[in-house]
Amino acid sequence: MFESLARLEQILGQHRYLTGNQLTEADIRLWTTLVRFDPVYVTHFKCDKHRISDYLNLYGFLRDIYQMPGIAETVNFDHIRNHYFRSHKTINPTGLFQLVRGRISMNRMDEMFASVKKRHLTRCL
């Protein structure tokens, strides 16, 4: 998985999106996975070698799409975390999970994404 993330990091270092400078379905499909990675996959699936926030281009890509009109409103981090941590009984039989500095909200994610260096966006525009 991390080899694939490294390859995606390279691709997004050359293009704004996966296939060039136009948003495609492939980008949206990747984005829906990436947006869950740090809040859920890192701890729930033990994918903690790297976070998406460790990758400059992947994180910029994530932030870029999140900030598009209408996208942030479709993301409910509380629901995402509750679903994963409470529905996979074989992975987490107790349904307990760690709070990440309090409740994750869109405002917190906006702040997190706003902290990304703008290099990805300016280099790929």
Protein backbone atom coordinates (compact mmCIF):
# COMPACT_ATOMS: atom_id res chain seq x y z
CA MET A 1 0.00 0.00 0.00
CA PHE A 2 2.71 2.50 0.91
CA GLU A 3 4.55 1.79 -2.33
CA SER A 4 1.33 2.73 -4.15
CA LEU A 5 0.98 5.89 -2.09
CA ALA A 6 4.58 6.80 -2.96
CA ARG A 7 3.79 6.31 -6.66
CA LEU A 8 0.67 8.46 -6.36
CA GLU A 9 2.78 11.09 -4.59
CA GLN A 10 5.10 11.14 -7.62
CA ILE A 11 2.24 11.38 -10.11
CA LEU A 12 0.61 14.23 -8.20
CA GLY A 13 3.96 16.00 -8.10
CA GLN A 14 3.81 16.23 -11.90
CA HIS A 15 0.09 16.85 -12.44
CA ARG A 16 -2.64 18.47 -10.43
CA TYR A 17 -4.80 15.36 -10.82
CA LEU A 18 -4.10 11.70 -11.59
CA THR A 19 -4.42 11.95 -15.36
CA GLY A 20 -3.43 15.56 -15.91
CA ASN A 21 -5.00 18.89 -15.08
CA GLN A 22 -8.64 17.81 -15.31
CA LEU A 23 -10.55 16.27 -12.41
CA THR A 24 -11.81 12.77 -13.29
CA GLU A 25 -13.76 9.98 -11.64
CA ALA A 26 -10.42 8.34 -10.77
CA ASP A 27 -9.53 11.40 -8.67
CA ILE A 28 -12.83 11.30 -6.80
CA ARG A 29 -12.43 7.57 -6.12
CA LEU A 30 -8.93 8.12 -4.77
CA TRP A 31 -10.08 11.12 -2.75
CA THR A 32 -12.83 9.18 -0.96
CA THR A 33 -10.18 6.75 0.29
CA LEU A 34 -7.61 9.41 1.19
CA VAL A 35 -10.09 11.51 3.16
CA ARG A 36 -10.63 8.52 5.48
CA PHE A 37 -6.99 7.50 5.76
CA ASP A 38 -5.65 9.70 8.59
CA PRO A 39 -8.87 9.85 10.67
CA VAL A 40 -9.56 6.08 10.43
CA TYR A 41 -7.19 3.80 8.53
CA VAL A 42 -4.06 4.82 10.43
CA THR A 43 -5.36 3.42 13.72
CA HIS A 44 -8.23 1.11 12.77
CA PHE A 45 -6.40 -0.85 10.08
CA LYS A 46 -2.93 -0.24 11.61
CA CYS A 47 -1.75 1.64 8.50
CA ASP A 48 0.54 3.83 10.53
CA LYS A 49 3.80 3.74 8.59
CA HIS A 50 2.88 7.13 7.08
CA ARG A 51 -0.11 9.44 7.19
CA ILE A 52 -1.49 11.19 4.13
CA SER A 53 -0.48 14.42 5.85
CA ASP A 54 3.15 13.21 5.52
CA TYR A 55 2.91 13.36 1.72
CA LEU A 56 3.09 16.89 0.32
CA ASN A 57 1.35 16.16 -2.99
CA LEU A 58 -1.25 13.67 -1.75
CA TYR A 59 -2.16 16.02 1.08
CA GLY A 60 -2.38 18.96 -1.30
CA PHE A 61 -4.60 16.88 -3.61
CA LEU A 62 -6.81 15.94 -0.64
CA ARG A 63 -7.09 19.56 0.45
CA ASP A 64 -7.66 20.82 -3.08
CA ILE A 65 -10.69 18.61 -3.68
CA TYR A 66 -12.05 19.10 -0.14
CA GLN A 67 -12.15 22.85 -0.75
CA MET A 68 -14.10 22.59 -4.01
CA PRO A 69 -17.64 23.97 -3.75
CA GLY A 70 -20.04 21.38 -2.35
CA ILE A 71 -17.43 18.77 -1.39
CA ALA A 72 -16.81 19.56 2.30
CA GLU A 73 -20.55 19.46 2.94
CA THR A 74 -20.63 15.81 1.85
CA VAL A 75 -18.06 14.74 4.44
CA ASN A 76 -19.12 13.89 7.98
CA PHE A 77 -16.03 12.80 9.90
CA ASP A 78 -18.01 11.84 12.99
CA HIS A 79 -20.10 9.46 10.88
CA ILE A 80 -17.05 8.06 9.09
CA ARG A 81 -15.25 7.31 12.35
CA ASN A 82 -18.33 5.91 14.07
CA HIS A 83 -19.05 3.64 11.11
CA TYR A 84 -15.57 2.16 10.86
CA PHE A 85 -14.78 1.87 14.55
CA ARG A 86 -18.17 0.49 15.57
CA SER A 87 -19.19 -1.73 12.64
CA HIS A 88 -16.12 -3.95 12.23
CA LYS A 89 -16.64 -6.27 15.20
CA THR A 90 -13.77 -8.59 14.29
CA ILE A 91 -11.31 -5.68 14.19
CA ASN A 92 -12.72 -3.71 17.11
CA PRO A 93 -15.04 -5.96 19.16
CA THR A 94 -15.60 -3.38 21.91
CA GLY A 95 -16.55 -0.56 19.54
CA LEU A 96 -14.27 1.76 21.49
CA PHE A 97 -12.02 4.24 19.76
CA GLN A 98 -9.76 7.11 20.66
CA LEU A 99 -10.98 10.65 20.35
CA VAL A 100 -8.63 12.72 18.24
CA ARG A 101 -8.23 15.86 20.33
CA GLY A 102 -11.96 16.02 20.77
CA ARG A 103 -14.56 15.63 18.14
CA ILE A 104 -13.50 15.75 14.50
CA SER A 105 -15.56 18.32 12.69
CA MET A 106 -15.48 19.97 9.32
CA ASN A 107 -14.05 23.08 10.96
CA ARG A 108 -11.14 21.07 12.35
CA MET A 109 -10.57 19.46 8.97
CA ASP A 110 -10.72 22.87 7.29
CA GLU A 111 -8.04 24.04 9.72
CA MET A 112 -5.98 20.91 9.10
CA PHE A 113 -6.22 21.25 5.32
CA ALA A 114 -5.50 24.98 5.51
CA SER A 115 -2.17 24.16 7.12
CA VAL A 116 -0.93 22.39 4.01
CA LYS A 117 1.78 24.13 2.07
CA LYS A 118 0.33 25.59 -1.11
CA ARG A 119 3.23 24.27 -3.18
CA HIS A 120 1.11 21.49 -4.67
CA LEU A 121 -1.52 23.87 -5.98
CA THR A 122 0.80 26.55 -7.31
CA ARG A 123 3.18 24.11 -8.98
CA CYS A 124 0.41 22.23 -10.72
CA LEU A 125 -1.71 25.18 -11.88
